[in-house]
């Protein structure tokens, strides 16, 4: 399964080890989900995370994420009402991801674009459990190790 993860999802994951956003990061780090972004998106991810994430352990987790993210060439699009959000959708389109995971309502109200489903972390997790069989019980078992 392929995803693009919005900056707000990365930052929100830092607040709760058990959140859907944090679970998604765990799946990316475990190699069960592939994450893609363009250089502009990664630059934004790092800039905002440096400002908002203070937990040293979670910063280390983010560095792990940044080391496994696959870079794509961004294309210019003008689809999202908030023009800054176009780059995150462009990342997903360029990589042909299944999901763009975000909490941004400008993106969420689009729903789907170019074959990319735009979902919340909770929405992604529900789809992921159903499609992959990697459900709550698997996550708990991995968490308890």
C-alpha atoms as a PDB file:
ATOM      1  CA  UNK A   1       0.000   0.000   0.000  1.00  0.00           C
ATOM      2  CA  UNK A   2       1.328   3.437  -0.930  1.00  0.00           C
ATOM      3  CA  UNK A   3       0.655   6.704   0.916  1.00  0.00           C
ATOM      4  CA  UNK A   4       1.559  10.345   1.092  1.00  0.00           C
ATOM      5  CA  UNK A   5       1.386  11.704   4.628  1.00  0.00           C
ATOM      6  CA  UNK A   6       0.565  15.355   5.244  1.00  0.00           C
ATOM      7  CA  UNK A   7       2.612  17.377   7.714  1.00  0.00           C
ATOM      8  CA  UNK A   8      -0.327  17.754  10.105  1.00  0.00           C
ATOM      9  CA  UNK A   9      -0.562  13.966  10.380  1.00  0.00           C
ATOM     10  CA  UNK A  10       3.131  13.681  11.245  1.00  0.00           C
ATOM     11  CA  UNK A  11       2.867  16.370  13.906  1.00  0.00           C
ATOM     12  CA  UNK A  12      -0.372  14.924  15.334  1.00  0.00           C
ATOM     13  CA  UNK A  13       1.297  11.522  15.635  1.00  0.00           C
ATOM     14  CA  UNK A  14       3.698  12.969  18.190  1.00  0.00           C
ATOM     15  CA  UNK A  15       0.931  13.607  20.691  1.00  0.00           C
ATOM     16  CA  UNK A  16      -0.212  10.035  21.266  1.00  0.00           C
ATOM     17  CA  UNK A  17       1.653   6.754  20.789  1.00  0.00           C
ATOM     18  CA  UNK A  18      -1.670   5.003  20.200  1.00  0.00           C
ATOM     19  CA  UNK A  19      -3.140   7.418  17.657  1.00  0.00           C
ATOM     20  CA  UNK A  20      -4.011   6.342  14.132  1.00  0.00           C
ATOM     21  CA  UNK A  21      -1.360   8.737  12.820  1.00  0.00           C
ATOM     22  CA  UNK A  22       1.290   7.105  14.994  1.00  0.00           C
ATOM     23  CA  UNK A  23       0.178   3.637  13.943  1.00  0.00           C
ATOM     24  CA  UNK A  24       0.571   4.701  10.316  1.00  0.00           C
ATOM     25  CA  UNK A  25       4.142   5.828  11.011  1.00  0.00           C
ATOM     26  CA  UNK A  26       4.839   2.465  12.652  1.00  0.00           C
ATOM     27  CA  UNK A  27       3.589   0.670   9.541  1.00  0.00           C
ATOM     28  CA  UNK A  28       5.809   2.814   7.297  1.00  0.00           C
ATOM     29  CA  UNK A  29       8.828   2.157   9.509  1.00  0.00           C
ATOM     30  CA  UNK A  30       8.064  -1.581   9.514  1.00  0.00           C
ATOM     31  CA  UNK A  31       7.969  -1.551   5.700  1.00  0.00           C
ATOM     32  CA  UNK A  32       4.339  -2.645   5.434  1.00  0.00           C
ATOM     33  CA  UNK A  33       3.289   0.718   3.969  1.00  0.00           C
ATOM     34  CA  UNK A  34       5.339   2.731   1.474  1.00  0.00           C
ATOM     35  CA  UNK A  35       5.465   6.523   1.906  1.00  0.00           C
ATOM     36  CA  UNK A  36       6.160   8.997  -0.901  1.00  0.00           C
ATOM     37  CA  UNK A  37       6.687  12.751  -1.070  1.00  0.00           C
ATOM     38  CA  UNK A  38       8.277  15.380  -3.254  1.00  0.00           C
ATOM     39  CA  UNK A  39      11.218  17.468  -2.047  1.00  0.00           C
ATOM     40  CA  UNK A  40       8.989  20.470  -1.311  1.00  0.00           C
ATOM     41  CA  UNK A  41       6.731  18.379   0.915  1.00  0.00           C
ATOM     42  CA  UNK A  42       9.648  16.830   2.822  1.00  0.00           C
ATOM     43  CA  UNK A  43      11.113  20.298   3.333  1.00  0.00           C
ATOM     44  CA  UNK A  44       7.784  21.439   4.834  1.00  0.00           C
ATOM     45  CA  UNK A  45       7.554  18.265   6.950  1.00  0.00           C
ATOM     46  CA  UNK A  46      10.976  18.883   8.463  1.00  0.00           C
ATOM     47  CA  UNK A  47      10.458  22.619   8.997  1.00  0.00           C
ATOM     48  CA  UNK A  48       7.127  22.248  10.801  1.00  0.00           C
ATOM     49  CA  UNK A  49       8.233  19.171  12.768  1.00  0.00           C
ATOM     50  CA  UNK A  50      11.331  21.030  13.970  1.00  0.00           C
ATOM     51  CA  UNK A  51       9.069  23.795  15.285  1.00  0.00           C
ATOM     52  CA  UNK A  52       6.281  21.699  16.789  1.00  0.00           C
ATOM     53  CA  UNK A  53       7.738  18.360  17.901  1.00  0.00           C
ATOM     54  CA  UNK A  54       9.719  18.555  21.133  1.00  0.00           C
ATOM     55  CA  UNK A  55       9.792  14.909  22.240  1.00  0.00           C
ATOM     56  CA  UNK A  56      13.313  13.557  21.488  1.00  0.00           C
ATOM     57  CA  UNK A  57      12.081   9.974  21.012  1.00  0.00           C
ATOM     58  CA  UNK A  58       9.460  11.042  18.510  1.00  0.00           C
ATOM     59  CA  UNK A  59      12.001  13.235  16.696  1.00  0.00           C
ATOM     60  CA  UNK A  60      14.107  10.099  16.297  1.00  0.00           C
ATOM     61  CA  UNK A  61      11.080   8.253  14.939  1.00  0.00           C
ATOM     62  CA  UNK A  62      10.528  11.045  12.417  1.00  0.00           C
ATOM     63  CA  UNK A  63      14.156  10.787  11.315  1.00  0.00           C
ATOM     64  CA  UNK A  64      13.519   7.104  10.673  1.00  0.00           C
ATOM     65  CA  UNK A  65      10.493   8.074   8.612  1.00  0.00           C
ATOM     66  CA  UNK A  66      12.489  10.622   6.614  1.00  0.00           C
ATOM     67  CA  UNK A  67      15.124   7.975   5.910  1.00  0.00           C
ATOM     68  CA  UNK A  68      12.610   5.563   4.340  1.00  0.00           C
ATOM     69  CA  UNK A  69      10.358   7.990   2.492  1.00  0.00           C
ATOM     70  CA  UNK A  70      10.636   7.652  -1.266  1.00  0.00           C
ATOM     71  CA  UNK A  71      11.132  10.900  -3.149  1.00  0.00           C
ATOM     72  CA  UNK A  72       9.196  11.684  -6.309  1.00  0.00           C
ATOM     73  CA  UNK A  73       9.388  14.503  -8.796  1.00  0.00           C
ATOM     74  CA  UNK A  74       6.633  16.957  -8.059  1.00  0.00           C
ATOM     75  CA  UNK A  75       4.370  18.266 -10.734  1.00  0.00           C
ATOM     76  CA  UNK A  76       2.550  21.565 -10.531  1.00  0.00           C
ATOM     77  CA  UNK A  77      -1.182  21.301  -9.941  1.00  0.00           C
ATOM     78  CA  UNK A  78      -3.806  23.859  -8.994  1.00  0.00           C
ATOM     79  CA  UNK A  79      -6.640  21.852  -7.497  1.00  0.00           C
ATOM     80  CA  UNK A  80      -6.835  22.657  -3.795  1.00  0.00           C
ATOM     81  CA  UNK A  81      -8.473  25.831  -2.507  1.00  0.00           C
ATOM     82  CA  UNK A  82      -5.521  26.442  -0.184  1.00  0.00           C
ATOM     83  CA  UNK A  83      -2.714  26.673  -2.756  1.00  0.00           C
ATOM     84  CA  UNK A  84      -0.078  25.504  -0.247  1.00  0.00           C
ATOM     85  CA  UNK A  85      -1.853  22.128  -0.100  1.00  0.00           C
ATOM     86  CA  UNK A  86      -1.336  21.498  -3.818  1.00  0.00           C
ATOM     87  CA  UNK A  87       2.222  20.251  -3.244  1.00  0.00           C
ATOM     88  CA  UNK A  88       1.092  17.430  -0.953  1.00  0.00           C
ATOM     89  CA  UNK A  89      -1.523  16.278  -3.449  1.00  0.00           C
ATOM     90  CA  UNK A  90       1.075  16.593  -6.237  1.00  0.00           C
ATOM     91  CA  UNK A  91       3.317  14.208  -4.265  1.00  0.00           C
ATOM     92  CA  UNK A  92       0.595  11.616  -4.122  1.00  0.00           C
ATOM     93  CA  UNK A  93      -0.291  11.976  -7.779  1.00  0.00           C
ATOM     94  CA  UNK A  94       3.336  11.721  -8.914  1.00  0.00           C
ATOM     95  CA  UNK A  95       3.827   8.507  -6.928  1.00  0.00           C
ATOM     96  CA  UNK A  96       0.458   7.014  -7.778  1.00  0.00           C
ATOM     97  CA  UNK A  97      -0.329   6.474  -4.112  1.00  0.00           C
ATOM     98  CA  UNK A  98      -3.477   4.836  -2.867  1.00  0.00           C
ATOM     99  CA  UNK A  99      -4.038   7.358  -0.053  1.00  0.00           C
ATOM    100  CA  UNK A 100      -3.162  10.874   0.974  1.00  0.00           C
ATOM    101  CA  UNK A 101      -3.493  10.919   4.770  1.00  0.00           C
ATOM    102  CA  UNK A 102      -4.351  14.313   6.235  1.00  0.00           C
ATOM    103  CA  UNK A 103      -6.443  16.234   8.732  1.00  0.00           C
ATOM    104  CA  UNK A 104      -6.648  19.276   6.455  1.00  0.00           C
ATOM    105  CA  UNK A 105     -10.251  19.998   5.508  1.00  0.00           C
ATOM    106  CA  UNK A 106      -9.203  21.734   2.254  1.00  0.00           C
ATOM    107  CA  UNK A 107      -7.890  18.378   1.079  1.00  0.00           C
ATOM    108  CA  UNK A 108     -10.475  16.183   2.793  1.00  0.00           C
ATOM    109  CA  UNK A 109     -13.396  17.922   1.105  1.00  0.00           C
ATOM    110  CA  UNK A 110     -11.972  16.858  -2.284  1.00  0.00           C
ATOM    111  CA  UNK A 111     -12.306  13.204  -1.215  1.00  0.00           C
ATOM    112  CA  UNK A 112     -10.479  11.698  -4.182  1.00  0.00           C
ATOM    113  CA  UNK A 113      -8.474  13.088  -7.037  1.00  0.00           C
ATOM    114  CA  UNK A 114      -6.663  11.298  -9.839  1.00  0.00           C
ATOM    115  CA  UNK A 115      -7.149   7.937  -8.145  1.00  0.00           C
ATOM    116  CA  UNK A 116      -5.745   9.178  -4.802  1.00  0.00           C
ATOM    117  CA  UNK A 117      -8.181   8.761  -1.906  1.00  0.00           C
ATOM    118  CA  UNK A 118      -7.866  11.627   0.584  1.00  0.00           C
ATOM    119  CA  UNK A 119      -8.590  10.394   4.104  1.00  0.00           C
ATOM    120  CA  UNK A 120      -8.020  11.144   7.777  1.00  0.00           C
ATOM    121  CA  UNK A 121      -5.620   8.937   9.751  1.00  0.00           C
ATOM    122  CA  UNK A 122      -8.648   7.129  11.228  1.00  0.00           C
ATOM    123  CA  UNK A 123     -10.166   6.679   7.762  1.00  0.00           C
ATOM    124  CA  UNK A 124      -6.877   5.319   6.469  1.00  0.00           C
ATOM    125  CA  UNK A 125      -6.601   2.863   9.337  1.00  0.00           C
ATOM    126  CA  UNK A 126     -10.103   1.500   8.715  1.00  0.00           C
ATOM    127  CA  UNK A 127      -9.276   0.969   5.020  1.00  0.00           C
ATOM    128  CA  UNK A 128      -5.860  -0.469   5.851  1.00  0.00           C
ATOM    129  CA  UNK A 129      -7.276  -3.041   8.248  1.00  0.00           C
ATOM    130  CA  UNK A 130      -9.787  -4.132   5.663  1.00  0.00           C
ATOM    131  CA  UNK A 131      -7.397  -4.268   2.679  1.00  0.00           C
ATOM    132  CA  UNK A 132      -4.272  -5.659   4.301  1.00  0.00           C
ATOM    133  CA  UNK A 133      -5.457  -7.778   7.173  1.00  0.00           C
ATOM    134  CA  UNK A 134      -3.038  -5.773   9.365  1.00  0.00           C
ATOM    135  CA  UNK A 135      -5.633  -5.026  11.961  1.00  0.00           C
ATOM    136  CA  UNK A 136      -5.801  -3.784  15.495  1.00  0.00           C
ATOM    137  CA  UNK A 137      -4.737  -7.122  16.953  1.00  0.00           C
ATOM    138  CA  UNK A 138      -1.567  -7.221  14.821  1.00  0.00           C
ATOM    139  CA  UNK A 139      -0.724  -3.663  15.824  1.00  0.00           C
ATOM    140  CA  UNK A 140      -1.253  -4.431  19.521  1.00  0.00           C
ATOM    141  CA  UNK A 141       0.900  -7.552  19.282  1.00  0.00           C
ATOM    142  CA  UNK A 142       3.719  -5.553  17.673  1.00  0.00           C
ATOM    143  CA  UNK A 143       3.288  -2.755  20.196  1.00  0.00           C
ATOM    144  CA  UNK A 144       3.539  -5.164  23.139  1.00  0.00           C
ATOM    145  CA  UNK A 145       6.876  -6.623  21.968  1.00  0.00           C
END
